[in-house]
PDB file of N, CA and C in Angstrom:
ATOM      1  N   MET A   1     -54.031-147.819  43.665  1.00  0.00           N
ATOM      2  CA  MET A   1     -54.139-146.852  44.726  1.00  0.00           C
ATOM      3  C   MET A   1     -54.426-145.466  44.156  1.00  0.00           C
ATOM      4  N   GLY A   2     -53.953-145.217  42.955  1.00  0.00           N
ATOM      5  CA  GLY A   2     -54.231-143.935  42.316  1.00  0.00           C
ATOM      6  C   GLY A   2     -55.709-143.716  42.100  1.00  0.00           C
ATOM      7  N   ASN A   3     -56.444-144.795  41.756  1.00  0.00           N
ATOM      8  CA  ASN A   3     -57.895-144.686  41.575  1.00  0.00           C
ATOM      9  C   ASN A   3     -58.586-144.368  42.895  1.00  0.00           C
ATOM     10  N   ALA A   4     -58.079-144.950  43.978  1.00  0.00           N
ATOM     11  CA  ALA A   4     -58.676-144.702  45.297  1.00  0.00           C
ATOM     12  C   ALA A   4     -58.494-143.245  45.687  1.00  0.00           C
ATOM     13  N   LEU A   5     -57.315-142.717  45.434  1.00  0.00           N
ATOM     14  CA  LEU A   5     -57.068-141.317  45.768  1.00  0.00           C
ATOM     15  C   LEU A   5     -57.863-140.382  44.863  1.00  0.00           C
ATOM     16  N   ALA A   6     -57.990-140.752  43.596  1.00  0.00           N
ATOM     17  CA  ALA A   6     -58.739-139.917  42.652  1.00  0.00           C
ATOM     18  C   ALA A   6     -60.230-139.899  42.970  1.00  0.00           C
ATOM     19  N   SER A   7     -60.732-140.942  43.627  1.00  0.00           N
ATOM     20  CA  SER A   7     -62.161-140.994  43.939  1.00  0.00           C
ATOM     21  C   SER A   7     -62.534-140.093  45.114  1.00  0.00           C
ATOM     22  N   LEU A   8     -61.551-139.645  45.892  1.00  0.00           N
ATOM     23  CA  LEU A   8     -61.830-138.737  47.004  1.00  0.00           C
ATOM     24  C   LEU A   8     -61.970-137.312  46.488  1.00  0.00           C
ATOM     25  N   LYS A   9     -62.939-136.591  47.018  1.00  0.00           N
ATOM     26  CA  LYS A   9     -63.204-135.224  46.575  1.00  0.00           C
ATOM     27  C   LYS A   9     -62.237-134.244  47.221  1.00  0.00           C
ATOM     28  N   LEU A  10     -61.811-133.269  46.438  1.00  0.00           N
ATOM     29  CA  LEU A  10     -60.951-132.207  46.954  1.00  0.00           C
ATOM     30  C   LEU A  10     -61.808-131.126  47.609  1.00  0.00           C
ATOM     31  N   GLY A  11     -61.205-130.356  48.495  1.00  0.00           N
ATOM     32  CA  GLY A  11     -61.914-129.244  49.121  1.00  0.00           C
ATOM     33  C   GLY A  11     -62.754-129.629  50.317  1.00  0.00           C
ATOM     34  N   LYS A  12     -62.587-130.829  50.820  1.00  0.00           N
ATOM     35  CA  LYS A  12     -63.352-131.254  51.994  1.00  0.00           C
ATOM     36  C   LYS A  12     -62.558-130.977  53.261  1.00  0.00           C
ATOM     37  N   ALA A  13     -63.222-131.024  54.392  1.00  0.00           N
ATOM     38  CA  ALA A  13     -62.587-130.729  55.677  1.00  0.00           C
ATOM     39  C   ALA A  13     -61.571-131.808  56.037  1.00  0.00           C
ATOM     40  N   ALA A  14     -60.590-131.420  56.824  1.00  0.00           N
ATOM     41  CA  ALA A  14     -59.571-132.354  57.292  1.00  0.00           C
ATOM     42  C   ALA A  14     -60.142-133.256  58.367  1.00  0.00           C
ATOM     43  N   GLY A  15     -59.553-134.430  58.510  1.00  0.00           N
ATOM     44  CA  GLY A  15     -59.943-135.342  59.570  1.00  0.00           C
ATOM     45  C   GLY A  15     -59.325-134.913  60.888  1.00  0.00           C
ATOM     46  N   TYR A  16     -59.441-135.756  61.901  1.00  0.00           N
ATOM     47  CA  TYR A  16     -58.898-135.423  63.211  1.00  0.00           C
ATOM     48  C   TYR A  16     -57.377-135.312  63.189  1.00  0.00           C
ATOM     49  N   ASP A  17     -56.740-135.929  62.190  1.00  0.00           N
ATOM     50  CA  ASP A  17     -55.280-135.885  62.092  1.00  0.00           C
ATOM     51  C   ASP A  17     -54.772-134.633  61.383  1.00  0.00           C
ATOM     52  N   GLY A  18     -55.668-133.830  60.845  1.00  0.00           N
ATOM     53  CA  GLY A  18     -55.286-132.581  60.193  1.00  0.00           C
ATOM     54  C   GLY A  18     -54.926-132.718  58.727  1.00  0.00           C
ATOM     55  N   LEU A  19     -54.922-133.938  58.187  1.00  0.00           N
ATOM     56  CA  LEU A  19     -54.608-134.150  56.774  1.00  0.00           C
ATOM     57  C   LEU A  19     -55.855-133.977  55.919  1.00  0.00           C
ATOM     58  N   THR A  20     -55.682-133.323  54.792  1.00  0.00           N
ATOM     59  CA  THR A  20     -56.766-133.181  53.828  1.00  0.00           C
ATOM     60  C   THR A  20     -56.476-134.047  52.621  1.00  0.00           C
ATOM     61  N   THR A  21     -57.440-134.178  51.747  1.00  0.00           N
ATOM     62  CA  THR A  21     -57.240-134.925  50.505  1.00  0.00           C
ATOM     63  C   THR A  21     -56.168-134.264  49.661  1.00  0.00           C
ATOM     64  N   GLU A  22     -56.105-132.951  49.708  1.00  0.00           N
ATOM     65  CA  GLU A  22     -55.095-132.227  48.944  1.00  0.00           C
ATOM     66  C   GLU A  22     -53.682-132.579  49.385  1.00  0.00           C
ATOM     67  N   SER A  23     -53.504-132.868  50.685  1.00  0.00           N
ATOM     68  CA  SER A  23     -52.168-133.188  51.181  1.00  0.00           C
ATOM     69  C   SER A  23     -51.644-134.490  50.581  1.00  0.00           C
ATOM     70  N   LEU A  24     -52.522-135.391  50.200  1.00  0.00           N
ATOM     71  CA  LEU A  24     -52.092-136.609  49.503  1.00  0.00           C
ATOM     72  C   LEU A  24     -52.117-136.425  47.995  1.00  0.00           C
ATOM     73  N   HIS A  25     -53.021-135.594  47.523  1.00  0.00           N
ATOM     74  CA  HIS A  25     -53.163-135.395  46.079  1.00  0.00           C
ATOM     75  C   HIS A  25     -51.941-134.676  45.498  1.00  0.00           C
ATOM     76  N   TYR A  26     -51.432-133.675  46.207  1.00  0.00           N
ATOM     77  CA  TYR A  26     -50.290-132.892  45.736  1.00  0.00           C
ATOM     78  C   TYR A  26     -49.015-133.303  46.469  1.00  0.00           C
ATOM     79  N   ARG A  27     -48.805-134.555  46.629  1.00  0.00           N
ATOM     80  CA  ARG A  27     -47.700-135.105  47.375  1.00  0.00           C
ATOM     81  C   ARG A  27     -46.560-135.495  46.439  1.00  0.00           C
ATOM     82  N   HIS A  28     -45.449-135.888  47.043  1.00  0.00           N
ATOM     83  CA  HIS A  28     -44.356-136.479  46.278  1.00  0.00           C
ATOM     84  C   HIS A  28     -44.767-137.913  45.938  1.00  0.00           C
ATOM     85  N   PRO A  29     -44.466-138.399  44.751  1.00  0.00           N
ATOM     86  CA  PRO A  29     -44.904-139.748  44.346  1.00  0.00           C
ATOM     87  C   PRO A  29     -44.421-140.880  45.247  1.00  0.00           C
ATOM     88  N   VAL A  30     -43.409-140.643  46.060  1.00  0.00           N
ATOM     89  CA  VAL A  30     -42.907-141.702  46.934  1.00  0.00           C
ATOM     90  C   VAL A  30     -43.946-142.107  47.983  1.00  0.00           C
ATOM     91  N   ILE A  31     -44.918-141.252  48.249  1.00  0.00           N
ATOM     92  CA  ILE A  31     -45.945-141.577  49.247  1.00  0.00           C
ATOM     93  C   ILE A  31     -46.710-142.845  48.866  1.00  0.00           C
ATOM     94  N   PHE A  32     -46.865-143.101  47.563  1.00  0.00           N
ATOM     95  CA  PHE A  32     -47.551-144.319  47.135  1.00  0.00           C
ATOM     96  C   PHE A  32     -46.798-145.560  47.579  1.00  0.00           C
ATOM     97  N   ILE A  33     -45.481-145.499  47.564  1.00  0.00           N
ATOM     98  CA  ILE A  33     -44.677-146.653  47.987  1.00  0.00           C
ATOM     99  C   ILE A  33     -44.909-146.931  49.467  1.00  0.00           C
ATOM    100  N   TYR A  34     -44.884-145.870  50.271  1.00  0.00           N
ATOM    101  CA  TYR A  34     -45.070-146.049  51.711  1.00  0.00           C
ATOM    102  C   TYR A  34     -46.488-146.488  52.058  1.00  0.00           C
ATOM    103  N   LEU A  35     -47.461-145.933  51.393  1.00  0.00           N
ATOM    104  CA  LEU A  35     -48.845-146.358  51.651  1.00  0.00           C
ATOM    105  C   LEU A  35     -49.064-147.799  51.212  1.00  0.00           C
ATOM    106  N   LYS A  36     -48.483-148.174  50.088  1.00  0.00           N
ATOM    107  CA  LYS A  36     -48.610-149.562  49.624  1.00  0.00           C
ATOM    108  C   LYS A  36     -47.970-150.522  50.618  1.00  0.00           C
ATOM    109  N   LEU A  37     -46.785-150.170  51.130  1.00  0.00           N
ATOM    110  CA  LEU A  37     -46.140-151.007  52.146  1.00  0.00           C
ATOM    111  C   LEU A  37     -47.001-151.104  53.404  1.00  0.00           C
ATOM    112  N   LEU A  38     -47.545-149.974  53.835  1.00  0.00           N
ATOM    113  CA  LEU A  38     -48.404-149.968  55.016  1.00  0.00           C
ATOM    114  C   LEU A  38     -49.629-150.847  54.813  1.00  0.00           C
ATOM    115  N   PHE A  39     -50.319-150.662  53.693  1.00  0.00           N
ATOM    116  CA  PHE A  39     -51.543-151.420  53.442  1.00  0.00           C
ATOM    117  C   PHE A  39     -51.261-152.905  53.273  1.00  0.00           C
ATOM    118  N   ASN A  40     -50.151-153.255  52.625  1.00  0.00           N
ATOM    119  CA  ASN A  40     -49.794-154.671  52.475  1.00  0.00           C
ATOM    120  C   ASN A  40     -49.463-155.307  53.820  1.00  0.00           C
ATOM    121  N   MET A  41     -48.752-154.578  54.680  1.00  0.00           N
ATOM    122  CA  MET A  41     -48.442-155.105  56.012  1.00  0.00           C
ATOM    123  C   MET A  41     -49.710-155.265  56.850  1.00  0.00           C
ATOM    124  N   MET A  42     -50.620-154.313  56.724  1.00  0.00           N
ATOM    125  CA  MET A  42     -51.889-154.425  57.447  1.00  0.00           C
ATOM    126  C   MET A  42     -52.652-155.655  56.980  1.00  0.00           C
ATOM    127  N   SER A  43     -52.643-155.897  55.683  1.00  0.00           N
ATOM    128  CA  SER A  43     -53.340-157.059  55.129  1.00  0.00           C
ATOM    129  C   SER A  43     -52.656-158.356  55.542  1.00  0.00           C
ATOM    130  N   MET A  44     -51.327-158.373  55.497  1.00  0.00           N
ATOM    131  CA  MET A  44     -50.575-159.571  55.825  1.00  0.00           C
ATOM    132  C   MET A  44     -50.751-159.947  57.299  1.00  0.00           C
ATOM    133  N   HIS A  45     -50.735-158.957  58.169  1.00  0.00           N
ATOM    134  CA  HIS A  45     -50.844-159.215  59.603  1.00  0.00           C
ATOM    135  C   HIS A  45     -52.287-159.174  60.106  1.00  0.00           C
ATOM    136  N   LYS A  46     -53.219-158.905  59.193  1.00  0.00           N
ATOM    137  CA  LYS A  46     -54.647-158.861  59.541  1.00  0.00           C
ATOM    138  C   LYS A  46     -54.895-157.924  60.721  1.00  0.00           C
ATOM    139  N   TYR A  47     -54.331-156.731  60.591  1.00  0.00           N
ATOM    140  CA  TYR A  47     -54.440-155.737  61.654  1.00  0.00           C
ATOM    141  C   TYR A  47     -54.693-154.366  61.042  1.00  0.00           C
ATOM    142  N   VAL A  48     -55.703-153.708  61.548  1.00  0.00           N
ATOM    143  CA  VAL A  48     -55.995-152.332  61.155  1.00  0.00           C
ATOM    144  C   VAL A  48     -55.854-151.469  62.410  1.00  0.00           C
ATOM    145  N   PRO A  49     -55.056-150.404  62.340  1.00  0.00           N
ATOM    146  CA  PRO A  49     -54.893-149.552  63.529  1.00  0.00           C
ATOM    147  C   PRO A  49     -56.220-148.994  64.026  1.00  0.00           C
ATOM    148  N   ASP A  50     -56.321-148.853  65.327  1.00  0.00           N
ATOM    149  CA  ASP A  50     -57.547-148.320  65.928  1.00  0.00           C
ATOM    150  C   ASP A  50     -57.874-146.926  65.410  1.00  0.00           C
ATOM    151  N   ASP A  51     -56.851-146.137  65.099  1.00  0.00           N
ATOM    152  CA  ASP A  51     -57.076-144.773  64.618  1.00  0.00           C
ATOM    153  C   ASP A  51     -57.797-144.733  63.275  1.00  0.00           C
ATOM    154  N   PHE A  52     -57.775-145.830  62.515  1.00  0.00           N
ATOM    155  CA  PHE A  52     -58.492-145.866  61.241  1.00  0.00           C
ATOM    156  C   PHE A  52     -60.003-145.880  61.454  1.00  0.00           C
ATOM    157  N   GLY A  53     -60.438-146.222  62.646  1.00  0.00           N
ATOM    158  CA  GLY A  53     -61.868-146.247  62.941  1.00  0.00           C
ATOM    159  C   GLY A  53     -62.356-145.028  63.698  1.00  0.00           C
ATOM    160  N   VAL A  54     -61.467-144.099  63.967  1.00  0.00           N
ATOM    161  CA  VAL A  54     -61.819-142.902  64.738  1.00  0.00           C
ATOM    162  C   VAL A  54     -62.319-141.818  63.789  1.00  0.00           C
ATOM    163  N   GLY A  55     -63.365-141.167  64.192  1.00  0.00           N
ATOM    164  CA  GLY A  55     -63.896-140.052  63.424  1.00  0.00           C
ATOM    165  C   GLY A  55     -64.443-138.991  64.355  1.00  0.00           C
ATOM    166  N   VAL A  56     -64.462-137.780  63.886  1.00  0.00           N
ATOM    167  CA  VAL A  56     -65.003-136.665  64.661  1.00  0.00           C
ATOM    168  C   VAL A  56     -66.355-136.307  64.068  1.00  0.00           C
ATOM    169  N   VAL A  57     -67.381-136.323  64.896  1.00  0.00           N
ATOM    170  CA  VAL A  57     -68.729-136.001  64.442  1.00  0.00           C
ATOM    171  C   VAL A  57     -68.970-134.508  64.648  1.00  0.00           C
ATOM    172  N   VAL A  58     -69.347-133.851  63.550  1.00  0.00           N
ATOM    173  CA  VAL A  58     -69.591-132.411  63.574  1.00  0.00           C
ATOM    174  C   VAL A  58     -71.038-132.160  63.165  1.00  0.00           C
ATOM    175  N   PRO A  59     -71.789-131.384  63.952  1.00  0.00           N
ATOM    176  CA  PRO A  59     -73.161-131.056  63.546  1.00  0.00           C
ATOM    177  C   PRO A  59     -73.161-129.974  62.464  1.00  0.00           C
ATOM    178  N   VAL A  60     -73.939-130.199  61.429  1.00  0.00           N
ATOM    179  CA  VAL A  60     -74.057-129.245  60.323  1.00  0.00           C
ATOM    180  C   VAL A  60     -75.511-128.822  60.204  1.00  0.00           C
ATOM    181  N   VAL A  61     -75.729-127.518  60.063  1.00  0.00           N
ATOM    182  CA  VAL A  61     -77.087-126.985  59.957  1.00  0.00           C
ATOM    183  C   VAL A  61     -77.701-127.399  58.622  1.00  0.00           C
ATOM    184  N   LYS A  62     -78.939-127.913  58.676  1.00  0.00           N
ATOM    185  CA  LYS A  62     -79.650-128.302  57.452  1.00  0.00           C
ATOM    186  C   LYS A  62     -80.223-127.088  56.731  1.00  0.00           C
ATOM    187  N   ASP A  63     -80.942-126.254  57.472  1.00  0.00           N
ATOM    188  CA  ASP A  63     -81.648-125.111  56.884  1.00  0.00           C
ATOM    189  C   ASP A  63     -81.240-123.844  57.626  1.00  0.00           C
ATOM    190  N   GLN A  64     -80.584-122.921  56.921  1.00  0.00           N
ATOM    191  CA  GLN A  64     -80.098-121.691  57.534  1.00  0.00           C
ATOM    192  C   GLN A  64     -81.227-120.807  58.051  1.00  0.00           C
ATOM    193  N   CYS A  65     -82.407-120.917  57.438  1.00  0.00           N
ATOM    194  CA  CYS A  65     -83.535-120.052  57.822  1.00  0.00           C
ATOM    195  C   CYS A  65     -84.374-120.644  58.946  1.00  0.00           C
ATOM    196  N   ALA A  66     -84.191-121.920  59.230  1.00  0.00           N
ATOM    197  CA  ALA A  66     -84.993-122.577  60.266  1.00  0.00           C
ATOM    198  C   ALA A  66     -84.423-122.268  61.654  1.00  0.00           C
ATOM    199  N   ASP A  67     -85.076-122.827  62.663  1.00  0.00           N
ATOM    200  CA  ASP A  67     -84.692-122.601  64.056  1.00  0.00           C
ATOM    201  C   ASP A  67     -83.356-123.279  64.350  1.00  0.00           C
ATOM    202  N   TRP A  68     -82.340-122.499  64.687  1.00  0.00           N
ATOM    203  CA  TRP A  68     -81.007-123.035  64.962  1.00  0.00           C
ATOM    204  C   TRP A  68     -80.949-123.729  66.318  1.00  0.00           C
ATOM    205  N   CYS A  69     -81.958-123.516  67.160  1.00  0.00           N
ATOM    206  CA  CYS A  69     -81.988-124.142  68.481  1.00  0.00           C
ATOM    207  C   CYS A  69     -82.618-125.533  68.452  1.00  0.00           C
ATOM    208  N   SER A  70     -83.201-125.898  67.326  1.00  0.00           N
ATOM    209  CA  SER A  70     -83.856-127.194  67.206  1.00  0.00           C
ATOM    210  C   SER A  70     -82.846-128.258  66.780  1.00  0.00           C
ATOM    211  N   ALA A  71     -82.839-129.375  67.477  1.00  0.00           N
ATOM    212  CA  ALA A  71     -81.936-130.477  67.138  1.00  0.00           C
ATOM    213  C   ALA A  71     -82.289-131.098  65.788  1.00  0.00           C
ATOM    214  N   ASP A  72     -83.550-130.954  65.367  1.00  0.00           N
ATOM    215  CA  ASP A  72     -83.978-131.504  64.074  1.00  0.00           C
ATOM    216  C   ASP A  72     -83.384-130.735  62.898  1.00  0.00           C
ATOM    217  N   ASN A  73     -82.827-129.569  63.142  1.00  0.00           N
ATOM    218  CA  ASN A  73     -82.264-128.751  62.078  1.00  0.00           C
ATOM    219  C   ASN A  73     -80.777-129.054  61.843  1.00  0.00           C
ATOM    220  N   TYR A  74     -80.261-130.084  62.470  1.00  0.00           N
ATOM    221  CA  TYR A  74     -78.856-130.449  62.321  1.00  0.00           C
ATOM    222  C   TYR A  74     -78.735-131.878  61.812  1.00  0.00           C
ATOM    223  N   ARG A  75     -77.661-132.111  61.052  1.00  0.00           N
ATOM    224  CA  ARG A  75     -77.339-133.473  60.633  1.00  0.00           C
ATOM    225  C   ARG A  75     -75.880-133.732  61.003  1.00  0.00           C
ATOM    226  N   PRO A  76     -75.572-134.962  61.391  1.00  0.00           N
ATOM    227  CA  PRO A  76     -74.192-135.251  61.781  1.00  0.00           C
ATOM    228  C   PRO A  76     -73.325-135.563  60.562  1.00  0.00           C
ATOM    229  N   VAL A  77     -72.117-135.061  60.566  1.00  0.00           N
ATOM    230  CA  VAL A  77     -71.125-135.358  59.537  1.00  0.00           C
ATOM    231  C   VAL A  77     -69.890-135.881  60.260  1.00  0.00           C
ATOM    232  N   THR A  78     -69.402-137.039  59.838  1.00  0.00           N
ATOM    233  CA  THR A  78     -68.226-137.629  60.456  1.00  0.00           C
ATOM    234  C   THR A  78     -66.993-137.328  59.628  1.00  0.00           C
ATOM    235  N   LEU A  79     -65.977-136.757  60.264  1.00  0.00           N
ATOM    236  CA  LEU A  79     -64.700-136.468  59.612  1.00  0.00           C
ATOM    237  C   LEU A  79     -63.736-137.591  59.958  1.00  0.00           C
ATOM    238  N   SER A  80     -63.321-138.337  58.936  1.00  0.00           N
ATOM    239  CA  SER A  80     -62.408-139.459  59.127  1.00  0.00           C
ATOM    240  C   SER A  80     -61.045-139.118  58.555  1.00  0.00           C
ATOM    241  N   ALA A  81     -60.044-139.887  58.948  1.00  0.00           N
ATOM    242  CA  ALA A  81     -58.687-139.689  58.447  1.00  0.00           C
ATOM    243  C   ALA A  81     -58.629-140.043  56.959  1.00  0.00           C
ATOM    244  N   VAL A  82     -57.903-139.254  56.190  1.00  0.00           N
ATOM    245  CA  VAL A  82     -57.813-139.452  54.738  1.00  0.00           C
ATOM    246  C   VAL A  82     -57.144-140.782  54.409  1.00  0.00           C
ATOM    247  N   VAL A  83     -56.117-141.150  55.162  1.00  0.00           N
ATOM    248  CA  VAL A  83     -55.405-142.401  54.885  1.00  0.00           C
ATOM    249  C   VAL A  83     -56.335-143.598  55.088  1.00  0.00           C
ATOM    250  N   SER A  84     -57.212-143.533  56.082  1.00  0.00           N
ATOM    251  CA  SER A  84     -58.157-144.635  56.284  1.00  0.00           C
ATOM    252  C   SER A  84     -59.186-144.694  55.158  1.00  0.00           C
ATOM    253  N   LYS A  85     -59.551-143.533  54.596  1.00  0.00           N
ATOM    254  CA  LYS A  85     -60.463-143.524  53.449  1.00  0.00           C
ATOM    255  C   LYS A  85     -59.800-144.156  52.231  1.00  0.00           C
ATOM    256  N   VAL A  86     -58.534-143.834  51.996  1.00  0.00           N
ATOM    257  CA  VAL A  86     -57.801-144.420  50.869  1.00  0.00           C
ATOM    258  C   VAL A  86     -57.704-145.929  51.055  1.00  0.00           C
ATOM    259  N   PHE A  87     -57.415-146.371  52.279  1.00  0.00           N
ATOM    260  CA  PHE A  87     -57.346-147.805  52.559  1.00  0.00           C
ATOM    261  C   PHE A  87     -58.691-148.474  52.297  1.00  0.00           C
ATOM    262  N   GLY A  88     -59.762-147.847  52.728  1.00  0.00           N
ATOM    263  CA  GLY A  88     -61.096-148.407  52.485  1.00  0.00           C
ATOM    264  C   GLY A  88     -61.411-148.525  51.006  1.00  0.00           C
ATOM    265  N   HIS A  89     -61.048-147.524  50.221  1.00  0.00           N
ATOM    266  CA  HIS A  89     -61.269-147.587  48.772  1.00  0.00           C
ATOM    267  C   HIS A  89     -60.434-148.691  48.132  1.00  0.00           C
ATOM    268  N   CYS A  90     -59.197-148.862  48.601  1.00  0.00           N
ATOM    269  CA  CYS A  90     -58.335-149.922  48.065  1.00  0.00           C
ATOM    270  C   CYS A  90     -58.909-151.299  48.371  1.00  0.00           C
ATOM    271  N   VAL A  91     -59.408-151.486  49.572  1.00  0.00           N
ATOM    272  CA  VAL A  91     -60.013-152.770  49.945  1.00  0.00           C
ATOM    273  C   VAL A  91     -61.248-153.036  49.092  1.00  0.00           C
ATOM    274  N   LEU A  92     -62.070-152.013  48.895  1.00  0.00           N
ATOM    275  CA  LEU A  92     -63.267-152.193  48.063  1.00  0.00           C
ATOM    276  C   LEU A  92     -62.915-152.503  46.613  1.00  0.00           C
ATOM    277  N   GLN A  93     -61.853-151.870  46.084  1.00  0.00           N
ATOM    278  CA  GLN A  93     -61.450-152.145  44.708  1.00  0.00           C
ATOM    279  C   GLN A  93     -60.945-153.578  44.570  1.00  0.00           C
ATOM    280  N   LYS A  94     -60.248-154.068  45.592  1.00  0.00           N
ATOM    281  CA  LYS A  94     -59.675-155.412  45.500  1.00  0.00           C
ATOM    282  C   LYS A  94     -60.700-156.497  45.783  1.00  0.00           C
ATOM    283  N   TYR A  95     -61.540-156.308  46.797  1.00  0.00           N
ATOM    284  CA  TYR A  95     -62.446-157.367  47.241  1.00  0.00           C
ATOM    285  C   TYR A  95     -63.920-157.042  47.046  1.00  0.00           C
ATOM    286  N   GLY A  96     -64.242-155.928  46.440  1.00  0.00           N
ATOM    287  CA  GLY A  96     -65.628-155.493  46.325  1.00  0.00           C
ATOM    288  C   GLY A  96     -66.524-156.376  45.480  1.00  0.00           C
ATOM    289  N   ASP A  97     -65.979-157.032  44.468  1.00  0.00           N
ATOM    290  CA  ASP A  97     -66.793-157.841  43.559  1.00  0.00           C
ATOM    291  C   ASP A  97     -66.945-159.291  44.005  1.00  0.00           C
ATOM    292  N   MET A  98     -66.405-159.642  45.147  1.00  0.00           N
ATOM    293  CA  MET A  98     -66.461-161.035  45.600  1.00  0.00           C
ATOM    294  C   MET A  98     -67.809-161.382  46.139  1.00  0.00           C
TER     295      MET A  98
END
């Protein structure tokens, strides 16, 4: 799980839940125990909470000098919950090579 957390970049925007990568990065080490229990229970019961699939789409300007009124000058960025990103990285580390 440490590798999954280390693979996330610091300084990025918070998800809809308000948590940033820094909030897990500079945490008390006991958080790993709780996240491991959560992820193991999710795996055992074959259930992923609906909130893990929720993201907020934010439009970001591509070119500051171009026309800001044009829809072509924007790209969508989805802000997801940090815990769901960590879970996704853990799943990929465990089952990615299959």
